[in-house]
Amino acid sequence: MQGRRKSNLHFWVNHRIEVVRKQKVKEGKMSRRGKGGAKRHRKVLHEASDHASV
């Protein structure tokens, strides 16, 4: 049962990453300025919050 739960969690994490990536692409097209560091930092925070909410 735990393995199944883990694979399900993995699916959801992958899904979240896909959604976030699409949002980032939209943001990038709107403003192509060098805020790479901030974006990367926000991504790390977002992943951390994902893990915490599970």
PDB file of N, CA and C in Angstrom:
ATOM      1  N   MET A   1       0.833  -1.207   0.000  1.00  0.00           N
ATOM      2  CA  MET A   1       0.000   0.000   0.000  1.00  0.00           C
ATOM      3  C   MET A   1       0.871   1.262   0.000  1.00  0.00           C
ATOM      4  N   GLN A   2       1.963   1.227   0.761  1.00  0.00           N
ATOM      5  CA  GLN A   2       2.784   2.437   0.832  1.00  0.00           C
ATOM      6  C   GLN A   2       3.410   2.739  -0.534  1.00  0.00           C
ATOM      7  N   GLY A   3       3.866   1.696  -1.228  1.00  0.00           N
ATOM      8  CA  GLY A   3       4.455   1.918  -2.545  1.00  0.00           C
ATOM      9  C   GLY A   3       3.447   2.565  -3.488  1.00  0.00           C
ATOM     10  N   ARG A   4       2.218   2.087  -3.434  1.00  0.00           N
ATOM     11  CA  ARG A   4       1.177   2.653  -4.291  1.00  0.00           C
ATOM     12  C   ARG A   4       0.949   4.124  -3.952  1.00  0.00           C
ATOM     13  N   ARG A   5       0.908   4.407  -2.664  1.00  0.00           N
ATOM     14  CA  ARG A   5       0.709   5.788  -2.246  1.00  0.00           C
ATOM     15  C   ARG A   5       1.863   6.655  -2.755  1.00  0.00           C
ATOM     16  N   LYS A   6       3.065   6.107  -2.681  1.00  0.00           N
ATOM     17  CA  LYS A   6       4.222   6.894  -3.121  1.00  0.00           C
ATOM     18  C   LYS A   6       4.127   7.192  -4.613  1.00  0.00           C
ATOM     19  N   SER A   7       3.750   6.187  -5.402  1.00  0.00           N
ATOM     20  CA  SER A   7       3.668   6.419  -6.847  1.00  0.00           C
ATOM     21  C   SER A   7       2.568   7.449  -7.138  1.00  0.00           C
ATOM     22  N   ASN A   8       1.472   7.397  -6.396  1.00  0.00           N
ATOM     23  CA  ASN A   8       0.412   8.379  -6.582  1.00  0.00           C
ATOM     24  C   ASN A   8       0.929   9.785  -6.252  1.00  0.00           C
ATOM     25  N   LEU A   9       1.655   9.882  -5.145  1.00  0.00           N
ATOM     26  CA  LEU A   9       2.239  11.167  -4.761  1.00  0.00           C
ATOM     27  C   LEU A   9       3.189  11.639  -5.858  1.00  0.00           C
ATOM     28  N   HIS A  10       3.970  10.710  -6.398  1.00  0.00           N
ATOM     29  CA  HIS A  10       4.916  11.064  -7.459  1.00  0.00           C
ATOM     30  C   HIS A  10       4.158  11.635  -8.659  1.00  0.00           C
ATOM     31  N   PHE A  11       3.055  10.995  -8.993  1.00  0.00           N
ATOM     32  CA  PHE A  11       2.246  11.488 -10.116  1.00  0.00           C
ATOM     33  C   PHE A  11       1.791  12.921  -9.853  1.00  0.00           C
ATOM     34  N   TRP A  12       1.314  13.178  -8.634  1.00  0.00           N
ATOM     35  CA  TRP A  12       0.812  14.517  -8.334  1.00  0.00           C
ATOM     36  C   TRP A  12       1.925  15.549  -8.370  1.00  0.00           C
ATOM     37  N   VAL A  13       3.097  15.170  -7.851  1.00  0.00           N
ATOM     38  CA  VAL A  13       4.228  16.112  -7.878  1.00  0.00           C
ATOM     39  C   VAL A  13       4.594  16.425  -9.328  1.00  0.00           C
ATOM     40  N   ASN A  14       4.644  15.397 -10.165  1.00  0.00           N
ATOM     41  CA  ASN A  14       4.957  15.621 -11.574  1.00  0.00           C
ATOM     42  C   ASN A  14       3.906  16.533 -12.208  1.00  0.00           C
ATOM     43  N   HIS A  15       2.633  16.295 -11.878  1.00  0.00           N
ATOM     44  CA  HIS A  15       1.559  17.113 -12.428  1.00  0.00           C
ATOM     45  C   HIS A  15       1.749  18.574 -12.022  1.00  0.00           C
ATOM     46  N   ARG A  16       2.051  18.799 -10.756  1.00  0.00           N
ATOM     47  CA  ARG A  16       2.261  20.162 -10.266  1.00  0.00           C
ATOM     48  C   ARG A  16       3.420  20.816 -11.022  1.00  0.00           C
ATOM     49  N   ILE A  17       4.502  20.048 -11.212  1.00  0.00           N
ATOM     50  CA  ILE A  17       5.672  20.600 -11.910  1.00  0.00           C
ATOM     51  C   ILE A  17       5.279  21.007 -13.320  1.00  0.00           C
ATOM     52  N   GLU A  18       4.484  20.166 -13.993  1.00  0.00           N
ATOM     53  CA  GLU A  18       4.049  20.492 -15.354  1.00  0.00           C
ATOM     54  C   GLU A  18       3.234  21.789 -15.352  1.00  0.00           C
ATOM     55  N   VAL A  19       2.291  21.898 -14.425  1.00  0.00           N
ATOM     56  CA  VAL A  19       1.439  23.096 -14.369  1.00  0.00           C
ATOM     57  C   VAL A  19       2.296  24.334 -14.123  1.00  0.00           C
ATOM     58  N   VAL A  20       3.212  24.215 -13.169  1.00  0.00           N
ATOM     59  CA  VAL A  20       4.066  25.367 -12.840  1.00  0.00           C
ATOM     60  C   VAL A  20       4.926  25.733 -14.044  1.00  0.00           C
ATOM     61  N   ARG A  21       5.432  24.703 -14.744  1.00  0.00           N
ATOM     62  CA  ARG A  21       6.287  24.980 -15.900  1.00  0.00           C
ATOM     63  C   ARG A  21       5.494  25.753 -16.959  1.00  0.00           C
ATOM     64  N   LYS A  22       4.243  25.352 -17.198  1.00  0.00           N
ATOM     65  CA  LYS A  22       3.433  26.056 -18.191  1.00  0.00           C
ATOM     66  C   LYS A  22       3.207  27.502 -17.756  1.00  0.00           C
ATOM     67  N   GLN A  23       2.928  27.710 -16.472  1.00  0.00           N
ATOM     68  CA  GLN A  23       2.748  29.078 -15.973  1.00  0.00           C
ATOM     69  C   GLN A  23       4.025  29.884 -16.194  1.00  0.00           C
ATOM     70  N   LYS A  24       5.186  29.260 -15.913  1.00  0.00           N
ATOM     71  CA  LYS A  24       6.461  29.965 -16.060  1.00  0.00           C
ATOM     72  C   LYS A  24       6.680  30.363 -17.507  1.00  0.00           C
ATOM     73  N   VAL A  25       6.321  29.465 -18.441  1.00  0.00           N
ATOM     74  CA  VAL A  25       6.484  29.781 -19.865  1.00  0.00           C
ATOM     75  C   VAL A  25       5.647  31.008 -20.202  1.00  0.00           C
ATOM     76  N   LYS A  26       4.426  31.052 -19.675  1.00  0.00           N
ATOM     77  CA  LYS A  26       3.565  32.218 -19.923  1.00  0.00           C
ATOM     78  C   LYS A  26       4.221  33.481 -19.365  1.00  0.00           C
ATOM     79  N   GLU A  27       4.713  33.392 -18.130  1.00  0.00           N
ATOM     80  CA  GLU A  27       5.360  34.548 -17.509  1.00  0.00           C
ATOM     81  C   GLU A  27       6.563  34.978 -18.337  1.00  0.00           C
ATOM     82  N   GLY A  28       7.341  33.999 -18.774  1.00  0.00           N
ATOM     83  CA  GLY A  28       8.546  34.304 -19.537  1.00  0.00           C
ATOM     84  C   GLY A  28       8.224  35.043 -20.827  1.00  0.00           C
ATOM     85  N   LYS A  29       7.123  34.639 -21.491  1.00  0.00           N
ATOM     86  CA  LYS A  29       6.752  35.311 -22.729  1.00  0.00           C
ATOM     87  C   LYS A  29       6.311  36.739 -22.447  1.00  0.00           C
ATOM     88  N   MET A  30       5.648  36.946 -21.319  1.00  0.00           N
ATOM     89  CA  MET A  30       5.168  38.286 -21.006  1.00  0.00           C
ATOM     90  C   MET A  30       6.340  39.212 -20.664  1.00  0.00           C
ATOM     91  N   SER A  31       7.244  38.743 -19.803  1.00  0.00           N
ATOM     92  CA  SER A  31       8.372  39.588 -19.392  1.00  0.00           C
ATOM     93  C   SER A  31       9.653  38.768 -19.488  1.00  0.00           C
ATOM     94  N   ARG A  32      10.448  39.023 -20.505  1.00  0.00           N
ATOM     95  CA  ARG A  32      11.667  38.234 -20.730  1.00  0.00           C
ATOM     96  C   ARG A  32      12.862  38.901 -20.080  1.00  0.00           C
ATOM     97  N   ARG A  33      12.704  39.483 -18.907  1.00  0.00           N
ATOM     98  CA  ARG A  33      13.842  40.151 -18.279  1.00  0.00           C
ATOM     99  C   ARG A  33      14.564  39.232 -17.325  1.00  0.00           C
ATOM    100  N   GLY A  34      15.828  39.524 -17.070  1.00  0.00           N
ATOM    101  CA  GLY A  34      16.670  38.588 -16.302  1.00  0.00           C
ATOM    102  C   GLY A  34      16.338  38.556 -14.833  1.00  0.00           C
ATOM    103  N   LYS A  35      15.210  37.909 -14.515  1.00  0.00           N
ATOM    104  CA  LYS A  35      14.896  37.670 -13.107  1.00  0.00           C
ATOM    105  C   LYS A  35      15.073  36.180 -12.823  1.00  0.00           C
ATOM    106  N   GLY A  36      16.054  35.579 -13.454  1.00  0.00           N
ATOM    107  CA  GLY A  36      16.232  34.124 -13.338  1.00  0.00           C
ATOM    108  C   GLY A  36      16.429  33.695 -11.892  1.00  0.00           C
ATOM    109  N   GLY A  37      17.238  34.456 -11.143  1.00  0.00           N
ATOM    110  CA  GLY A  37      17.512  34.069  -9.761  1.00  0.00           C
ATOM    111  C   GLY A  37      16.232  34.043  -8.935  1.00  0.00           C
ATOM    112  N   ALA A  38      15.425  35.096  -9.060  1.00  0.00           N
ATOM    113  CA  ALA A  38      14.187  35.172  -8.281  1.00  0.00           C
ATOM    114  C   ALA A  38      13.262  34.021  -8.654  1.00  0.00           C
ATOM    115  N   LYS A  39      13.152  33.762  -9.975  1.00  0.00           N
ATOM    116  CA  LYS A  39      12.268  32.680 -10.404  1.00  0.00           C
ATOM    117  C   LYS A  39      12.738  31.353  -9.837  1.00  0.00           C
ATOM    118  N   ARG A  40      14.056  31.124  -9.892  1.00  0.00           N
ATOM    119  CA  ARG A  40      14.567  29.856  -9.388  1.00  0.00           C
ATOM    120  C   ARG A  40      14.252  29.745  -7.894  1.00  0.00           C
ATOM    121  N   HIS A  41      14.440  30.827  -7.175  1.00  0.00           N
ATOM    122  CA  HIS A  41      14.191  30.797  -5.737  1.00  0.00           C
ATOM    123  C   HIS A  41      12.721  30.487  -5.457  1.00  0.00           C
ATOM    124  N   ARG A  42      11.827  31.123  -6.235  1.00  0.00           N
ATOM    125  CA  ARG A  42      10.402  30.890  -6.039  1.00  0.00           C
ATOM    126  C   ARG A  42      10.068  29.424  -6.311  1.00  0.00           C
ATOM    127  N   LYS A  43      10.717  28.842  -7.306  1.00  0.00           N
ATOM    128  CA  LYS A  43      10.460  27.436  -7.623  1.00  0.00           C
ATOM    129  C   LYS A  43      10.830  26.565  -6.424  1.00  0.00           C
ATOM    130  N   VAL A  44      11.972  26.852  -5.805  1.00  0.00           N
ATOM    131  CA  VAL A  44      12.388  26.052  -4.656  1.00  0.00           C
ATOM    132  C   VAL A  44      11.360  26.194  -3.537  1.00  0.00           C
ATOM    133  N   LEU A  45      10.921  27.404  -3.274  1.00  0.00           N
ATOM    134  CA  LEU A  45       9.917  27.611  -2.225  1.00  0.00           C
ATOM    135  C   LEU A  45       8.648  26.840  -2.559  1.00  0.00           C
ATOM    136  N   HIS A  46       8.262  26.874  -3.826  1.00  0.00           N
ATOM    137  CA  HIS A  46       7.024  26.211  -4.229  1.00  0.00           C
ATOM    138  C   HIS A  46       7.141  24.698  -4.013  1.00  0.00           C
ATOM    139  N   GLU A  47       8.258  24.120  -4.414  1.00  0.00           N
ATOM    140  CA  GLU A  47       8.436  22.683  -4.230  1.00  0.00           C
ATOM    141  C   GLU A  47       8.399  22.338  -2.745  1.00  0.00           C
ATOM    142  N   ALA A  48       9.030  23.173  -1.924  1.00  0.00           N
ATOM    143  CA  ALA A  48       9.035  22.913  -0.494  1.00  0.00           C
ATOM    144  C   ALA A  48       7.612  22.935   0.053  1.00  0.00           C
ATOM    145  N   SER A  49       6.805  23.897  -0.386  1.00  0.00           N
ATOM    146  CA  SER A  49       5.428  23.982   0.104  1.00  0.00           C
ATOM    147  C   SER A  49       4.627  22.770  -0.376  1.00  0.00           C
ATOM    148  N   ASP A  50       4.920  22.290  -1.594  1.00  0.00           N
ATOM    149  CA  ASP A  50       4.245  21.090  -2.082  1.00  0.00           C
ATOM    150  C   ASP A  50       4.508  19.927  -1.146  1.00  0.00           C
ATOM    151  N   HIS A  51       5.788  19.741  -0.793  1.00  0.00           N
ATOM    152  CA  HIS A  51       6.132  18.615   0.081  1.00  0.00           C
ATOM    153  C   HIS A  51       5.467  18.783   1.447  1.00  0.00           C
ATOM    154  N   ALA A  52       5.408  20.016   1.937  1.00  0.00           N
ATOM    155  CA  ALA A  52       4.839  20.236   3.262  1.00  0.00           C
ATOM    156  C   ALA A  52       3.336  19.952   3.265  1.00  0.00           C
ATOM    157  N   SER A  53       2.670  20.285   2.161  1.00  0.00           N
ATOM    158  CA  SER A  53       1.211  20.155   2.141  1.00  0.00           C
ATOM    159  C   SER A  53       0.769  18.704   1.980  1.00  0.00           C
ATOM    160  N   VAL A  54       1.671  17.829   1.583  1.00  0.00           N
ATOM    161  CA  VAL A  54       1.291  16.426   1.355  1.00  0.00           C
ATOM    162  C   VAL A  54       1.138  15.711   2.691  1.00  0.00           C
TER     163      VAL A  54
END
